[in-house]
Every structure is written in structure tokens, then in C-alpha cells.
Amino acid sequence: MRAIIFAAGLGTRLRPLTNFRPKALIEINEIPLLEIAILQLKKSGFKEIIINIHHFGDQIIDFLKDKGNFGIRIEIS
């Protein structure tokens, strides 16, 4: 199964938290929202995830590299 995560928003309603990082990397209990979403999708059986990025997209790419793409196929759009 494949999923898409929309992580391209500016996160204007979360300012000032999103002034220097994307909304997808805002943490809840020290875990980024993107990580929570990816792990839930992986747990549910998804084998491929496409992540749509824009705002601070380089930070999301670096985060995914640091995490080894969580051991699944992740593509960036």
C-alpha cells in the first residue's frame, strides 16, 4: 500500500514555532509530527510513502536521511 503525507504548508497558525522549521517537524512529547505519522503508517502496513514538501523542505529531507527513511521507501514530491 502507498500513502501520501502533505507536509508543504507554511504552518502559519503555529507561529512562532514554525518561523525556523516546518510544521511537520514540530514535536509532541519530543517526537516530530512527521515521525508519528510515518510510524503509524508503517505500523498499518504501508510500504511506500510520498511526502509533499515545500516550506523548509531541506530540513525534512535531512530528517528523513538521519532516520534512514524509517526502513521503508519514501519519495519526496
C-alpha atoms as a PDB file:
ATOM      1  CA  MET A   1       0.000   0.000   0.000  1.00  0.00           C
ATOM      2  CA  ARG A   2       1.068   3.587  -0.632  1.00  0.00           C
ATOM      3  CA  ALA A   3       0.289   6.772   1.265  1.00  0.00           C
ATOM      4  CA  ILE A   4       0.934  10.470   0.810  1.00  0.00           C
ATOM      5  CA  ILE A   5       1.738  12.947   3.552  1.00  0.00           C
ATOM      6  CA  PHE A   6       1.125  16.614   2.804  1.00  0.00           C
ATOM      7  CA  ALA A   7       3.932  18.475   4.580  1.00  0.00           C
ATOM      8  CA  ALA A   8       4.215  21.557   2.372  1.00  0.00           C
ATOM      9  CA  GLY A   9       2.252  24.062   4.439  1.00  0.00           C
ATOM     10  CA  LEU A  10       3.712  27.200   5.992  1.00  0.00           C
ATOM     11  CA  GLY A  11       2.330  26.405   9.431  1.00  0.00           C
ATOM     12  CA  THR A  12       1.135  29.973   9.945  1.00  0.00           C
ATOM     13  CA  ARG A  13      -1.215  29.040  12.790  1.00  0.00           C
ATOM     14  CA  LEU A  14       1.691  27.532  14.737  1.00  0.00           C
ATOM     15  CA  ARG A  15       3.899  30.609  14.581  1.00  0.00           C
ATOM     16  CA  PRO A  16       6.328  31.349  16.176  1.00  0.00           C
ATOM     17  CA  LEU A  17       7.109  27.606  16.340  1.00  0.00           C
ATOM     18  CA  THR A  18       7.278  27.442  12.543  1.00  0.00           C
ATOM     19  CA  ASN A  19       9.421  30.517  11.985  1.00  0.00           C
ATOM     20  CA  PHE A  20      12.529  28.376  11.564  1.00  0.00           C
ATOM     21  CA  ARG A  21      11.278  24.832  10.932  1.00  0.00           C
ATOM     22  CA  PRO A  22       8.427  23.139   9.065  1.00  0.00           C
ATOM     23  CA  LYS A  23       5.194  22.229  10.784  1.00  0.00           C
ATOM     24  CA  ALA A  24       5.900  18.546  10.109  1.00  0.00           C
ATOM     25  CA  LEU A  25       8.940  18.713  12.410  1.00  0.00           C
ATOM     26  CA  ILE A  26       7.152  20.356  15.344  1.00  0.00           C
ATOM     27  CA  GLU A  27       7.423  17.971  18.268  1.00  0.00           C
ATOM     28  CA  ILE A  28       4.833  16.471  20.563  1.00  0.00           C
ATOM     29  CA  ASN A  29       6.396  14.746  23.575  1.00  0.00           C
ATOM     30  CA  GLU A  30       9.788  15.201  21.855  1.00  0.00           C
ATOM     31  CA  ILE A  31       8.672  13.296  18.722  1.00  0.00           C
ATOM     32  CA  PRO A  32       8.203  15.206  15.427  1.00  0.00           C
ATOM     33  CA  LEU A  33       4.725  15.071  13.910  1.00  0.00           C
ATOM     34  CA  LEU A  34       6.175  13.620  10.709  1.00  0.00           C
ATOM     35  CA  GLU A  35       7.773  10.751  12.624  1.00  0.00           C
ATOM     36  CA  ILE A  36       4.489   9.990  14.374  1.00  0.00           C
ATOM     37  CA  ALA A  37       2.654   9.888  11.029  1.00  0.00           C
ATOM     38  CA  ILE A  38       5.291   7.725   9.324  1.00  0.00           C
ATOM     39  CA  LEU A  39       5.444   5.220  12.175  1.00  0.00           C
ATOM     40  CA  GLN A  40       1.643   4.927  12.269  1.00  0.00           C
ATOM     41  CA  LEU A  41       1.503   4.339   8.509  1.00  0.00           C
ATOM     42  CA  LYS A  42       4.303   1.773   8.722  1.00  0.00           C
ATOM     43  CA  LYS A  43       2.535   0.021  11.597  1.00  0.00           C
ATOM     44  CA  SER A  44      -0.633  -0.083   9.482  1.00  0.00           C
ATOM     45  CA  GLY A  45       1.152  -1.908   6.677  1.00  0.00           C
ATOM     46  CA  PHE A  46       2.104   0.864   4.284  1.00  0.00           C
ATOM     47  CA  LYS A  47       5.263   0.040   2.324  1.00  0.00           C
ATOM     48  CA  GLU A  48       5.689   3.292   0.400  1.00  0.00           C
ATOM     49  CA  ILE A  49       5.119   6.903   1.408  1.00  0.00           C
ATOM     50  CA  ILE A  50       5.260  10.009  -0.727  1.00  0.00           C
ATOM     51  CA  ILE A  51       5.865  13.232   1.195  1.00  0.00           C
ATOM     52  CA  ASN A  52       4.885  16.520  -0.414  1.00  0.00           C
ATOM     53  CA  ILE A  53       7.240  19.257   0.849  1.00  0.00           C
ATOM     54  CA  HIS A  54       7.850  22.984   0.356  1.00  0.00           C
ATOM     55  CA  HIS A  55       8.381  25.185   3.429  1.00  0.00           C
ATOM     56  CA  PHE A  56      11.849  24.350   4.870  1.00  0.00           C
ATOM     57  CA  GLY A  57      11.793  21.206   2.738  1.00  0.00           C
ATOM     58  CA  ASP A  58      15.540  20.730   3.132  1.00  0.00           C
ATOM     59  CA  GLN A  59      15.027  20.167   6.864  1.00  0.00           C
ATOM     60  CA  ILE A  60      12.516  17.414   6.149  1.00  0.00           C
ATOM     61  CA  ILE A  61      14.897  15.746   3.685  1.00  0.00           C
ATOM     62  CA  ASP A  62      17.729  15.909   6.237  1.00  0.00           C
ATOM     63  CA  PHE A  63      15.452  14.492   8.951  1.00  0.00           C
ATOM     64  CA  LEU A  64      14.493  11.538   6.762  1.00  0.00           C
ATOM     65  CA  LYS A  65      18.144  10.862   5.911  1.00  0.00           C
ATOM     66  CA  ASP A  66      19.075  10.911   9.604  1.00  0.00           C
ATOM     67  CA  LYS A  67      16.307   8.377  10.317  1.00  0.00           C
ATOM     68  CA  GLY A  68      17.237   6.115   7.391  1.00  0.00           C
ATOM     69  CA  ASN A  69      13.779   6.692   5.896  1.00  0.00           C
ATOM     70  CA  PHE A  70      12.443   4.599   8.781  1.00  0.00           C
ATOM     71  CA  GLY A  71      13.325   1.460   6.845  1.00  0.00           C
ATOM     72  CA  ILE A  72      10.689   1.950   4.146  1.00  0.00           C
ATOM     73  CA  ARG A  73      10.539   3.531   0.708  1.00  0.00           C
ATOM     74  CA  ILE A  74       9.945   7.265   0.989  1.00  0.00           C
ATOM     75  CA  GLU A  75       9.780   9.579  -2.001  1.00  0.00           C
ATOM     76  CA  ILE A  76       9.764  13.362  -1.934  1.00  0.00           C
ATOM     77  CA  SER A  77       7.451  15.426  -4.112  1.00  0.00           C
END
